[in-house]
N, C-alpha and C. Protein backbone atom coordinates (compact mmCIF):
# COMPACT_ATOMS: atom_id res chain seq x y z
N MET A 1 99.25 139.62 69.57
CA MET A 1 99.78 138.22 69.82
C MET A 1 99.10 137.35 69.00
N PRO A 2 99.70 136.41 68.00
CA PRO A 2 98.80 135.56 67.30
C PRO A 2 98.46 134.33 68.03
N PRO A 3 97.33 133.80 67.81
CA PRO A 3 96.82 132.73 68.51
C PRO A 3 97.65 131.39 68.23
N SER A 4 97.68 130.64 69.37
CA SER A 4 98.51 129.54 69.33
C SER A 4 98.00 128.49 68.28
N PRO A 5 98.76 127.79 67.63
CA PRO A 5 98.23 126.74 66.75
C PRO A 5 97.44 125.59 67.51
N SER A 6 96.40 125.05 66.94
CA SER A 6 95.69 123.93 67.66
C SER A 6 96.53 122.81 67.57
N PRO A 7 96.33 121.98 68.68
CA PRO A 7 97.10 120.62 68.58
C PRO A 7 96.75 119.67 67.58
N THR A 8 97.58 118.85 67.17
CA THR A 8 97.35 117.88 66.18
C THR A 8 96.38 116.85 66.72
N PRO A 9 95.38 116.29 65.93
CA PRO A 9 94.56 115.20 66.59
C PRO A 9 95.40 114.03 66.63
N PRO A 10 95.06 113.26 67.58
CA PRO A 10 95.72 111.96 67.76
C PRO A 10 95.50 110.94 66.57
N ARG A 11 96.56 110.27 66.38
CA ARG A 11 96.42 109.17 65.07
C ARG A 11 95.54 108.02 65.59
N ALA A 12 94.75 107.65 64.71
CA ALA A 12 94.17 106.16 64.95
C ALA A 12 95.09 105.11 64.95
N SER A 13 95.04 104.58 66.29
CA SER A 13 96.00 103.32 66.43
C SER A 13 95.36 102.21 65.68
N SER A 14 96.34 101.40 65.22
CA SER A 14 95.88 100.12 64.69
C SER A 14 95.42 99.17 65.72
N PRO A 15 94.53 98.15 65.45
CA PRO A 15 94.16 97.13 66.54
C PRO A 15 95.32 96.37 66.83
N PRO A 16 95.28 95.85 68.17
CA PRO A 16 96.61 94.98 68.64
C PRO A 16 96.52 93.76 67.85
N VAL A 17 97.47 93.24 67.67
CA VAL A 17 97.81 92.09 66.97
C VAL A 17 97.72 90.84 68.13
N ARG A 18 96.98 89.89 67.81
CA ARG A 18 96.82 88.87 68.67
C ARG A 18 97.88 87.70 68.41
N VAL A 19 98.45 87.22 69.31
CA VAL A 19 99.49 86.22 69.30
C VAL A 19 98.98 84.90 70.03
N ARG A 20 98.88 83.89 69.44
CA ARG A 20 98.23 82.71 70.10
C ARG A 20 99.53 82.29 71.03
N ALA A 21 99.18 81.83 72.29
CA ALA A 21 100.08 81.24 73.13
C ALA A 21 100.25 79.78 72.75
N LEU A 22 101.44 79.30 72.71
CA LEU A 22 101.86 78.11 72.38
C LEU A 22 102.28 77.37 73.79
N PRO A 23 101.81 76.03 73.92
CA PRO A 23 102.08 75.27 75.08
C PRO A 23 103.65 75.03 75.13
N ARG A 24 103.99 74.97 76.38
CA ARG A 24 105.50 74.82 76.55
C ARG A 24 105.82 73.36 76.43
N THR A 25 107.00 72.99 75.87
CA THR A 25 107.28 71.57 75.66
C THR A 25 107.83 71.12 77.01
N TYR A 26 107.70 69.89 77.48
CA TYR A 26 108.27 69.37 78.71
C TYR A 26 109.60 69.03 78.58
N ARG A 27 110.47 69.35 79.37
CA ARG A 27 111.91 68.80 79.28
C ARG A 27 112.28 68.29 80.71
N GLN A 28 113.07 67.22 80.76
CA GLN A 28 113.42 66.49 81.92
C GLN A 28 114.34 67.28 82.52
N SER A 29 114.41 67.48 83.91
CA SER A 29 115.28 68.15 84.76
C SER A 29 116.69 67.65 84.59
N VAL A 30 117.77 68.51 84.47
CA VAL A 30 119.13 68.09 84.36
C VAL A 30 119.64 67.69 85.72
N SER A 31 119.12 68.43 86.88
CA SER A 31 119.62 68.15 88.30
C SER A 31 118.92 66.75 88.77
N GLU A 32 119.65 66.36 89.78
CA GLU A 32 119.19 65.28 90.54
C GLU A 32 117.90 65.46 91.27
N PRO A 33 116.88 64.74 91.44
CA PRO A 33 115.86 64.87 92.26
C PRO A 33 116.30 65.09 93.76
N ALA A 34 115.60 66.01 94.47
CA ALA A 34 115.84 66.25 95.86
C ALA A 34 115.50 65.15 96.81
N VAL A 35 116.30 65.02 97.74
CA VAL A 35 116.02 63.88 98.78
C VAL A 35 114.66 64.23 99.54
N ARG A 36 114.03 63.36 99.58
CA ARG A 36 112.56 63.67 100.49
C ARG A 36 112.75 63.74 101.84
N GLY A 37 112.37 64.85 102.46
CA GLY A 37 112.43 64.90 103.72
C GLY A 37 111.20 65.80 104.27
N THR A 38 111.37 66.54 105.30
CA THR A 38 110.26 67.23 105.97
C THR A 38 110.01 68.35 104.91
N SER A 39 108.71 68.64 104.57
CA SER A 39 108.34 69.77 103.79
C SER A 39 108.55 71.14 104.49
N VAL A 40 108.64 72.24 103.82
CA VAL A 40 108.98 73.40 104.39
C VAL A 40 107.65 73.86 105.25
N VAL A 41 106.40 73.59 104.79
CA VAL A 41 105.33 73.78 105.57
C VAL A 41 105.13 73.18 106.92
N THR A 42 105.71 71.86 106.87
CA THR A 42 105.49 71.05 108.08
C THR A 42 106.62 71.48 109.05
N PHE A 43 107.79 71.79 108.51
CA PHE A 43 109.00 72.31 109.37
C PHE A 43 108.51 73.55 109.87
N THR A 44 108.02 74.54 109.21
CA THR A 44 107.63 75.85 109.83
C THR A 44 106.70 75.67 111.01
N LEU A 45 105.64 74.80 110.66
CA LEU A 45 104.63 74.50 111.63
C LEU A 45 105.34 73.92 113.00
N MET A 46 106.18 72.78 112.76
CA MET A 46 106.82 72.42 113.83
C MET A 46 107.61 73.34 114.76
N LEU A 47 108.09 74.25 114.01
CA LEU A 47 108.99 75.35 114.68
C LEU A 47 108.32 76.18 115.39
N THR A 48 107.14 76.77 114.73
CA THR A 48 106.45 78.01 115.16
C THR A 48 105.28 77.51 116.29
N ALA A 49 104.66 76.35 116.05
CA ALA A 49 103.56 76.14 116.99
C ALA A 49 103.86 76.12 118.47
N PRO A 50 105.01 75.35 118.91
CA PRO A 50 105.20 75.36 120.31
C PRO A 50 105.44 76.73 120.87
N ALA A 51 106.16 77.57 119.90
CA ALA A 51 106.55 79.05 120.54
C ALA A 51 105.22 79.91 120.72
N VAL A 52 104.32 79.68 119.68
CA VAL A 52 102.99 80.37 119.84
C VAL A 52 102.13 79.90 120.91
N LEU A 53 102.08 78.62 121.26
CA LEU A 53 101.45 78.01 122.25
C LEU A 53 101.92 78.50 123.61
N THR A 54 103.20 78.57 123.66
CA THR A 54 104.02 78.90 124.94
C THR A 54 103.78 80.47 125.09
N ALA A 55 103.71 81.21 124.20
CA ALA A 55 103.47 82.64 124.41
C ALA A 55 102.03 82.86 124.86
N ALA A 56 101.12 82.20 124.37
CA ALA A 56 99.82 82.26 124.72
C ALA A 56 99.49 81.81 126.21
N LEU A 57 100.16 80.62 126.73
CA LEU A 57 100.12 80.39 128.01
C LEU A 57 100.81 81.11 129.01
N LEU A 58 101.93 81.82 128.59
CA LEU A 58 102.62 82.69 129.58
C LEU A 58 102.10 84.08 129.46
N ARG A 59 101.16 84.47 128.64
CA ARG A 59 100.69 85.91 128.47
C ARG A 59 99.97 86.12 129.79
N PRO A 60 100.35 87.33 130.21
CA PRO A 60 99.75 87.72 131.72
C PRO A 60 98.20 87.95 131.42
N ARG A 61 97.63 87.54 132.54
CA ARG A 61 95.97 87.75 132.36
C ARG A 61 95.54 88.85 133.25
N GLY A 62 95.20 89.88 132.74
CA GLY A 62 94.76 91.01 133.48
C GLY A 62 93.46 90.87 134.30
N SER A 63 93.26 91.48 135.42
CA SER A 63 91.95 91.30 136.28
C SER A 63 91.10 92.44 135.83
N GLY A 64 91.54 93.24 135.01
CA GLY A 64 90.47 94.42 134.64
C GLY A 64 89.31 94.11 133.66
N ARG A 65 89.57 92.98 133.24
CA ARG A 65 88.52 92.66 132.10
C ARG A 65 87.39 91.88 132.86
N ARG A 66 86.21 92.34 132.82
CA ARG A 66 85.02 91.67 133.42
C ARG A 66 84.02 91.53 132.41
N GLY A 67 83.26 90.55 132.71
CA GLY A 67 81.96 90.48 131.69
C GLY A 67 82.30 89.57 130.44
N ARG A 68 83.44 89.03 130.49
CA ARG A 68 83.84 88.14 129.33
C ARG A 68 84.14 86.71 129.80
């Protein structure tokens, strides 16, 4: 059985070309500005905080924990 041919050596790759990033130009929005209201973060906190506090208050307290 003849020996298998040796694999061809990998080609030397050329160095990557660097492209300079250009700053984006500012364009005015075409849509109307949104009506100012409650932010999403504030709305989420107002919605979830009472539920979390209620769940903490209603959580059953076991008598098996001692030393704390």
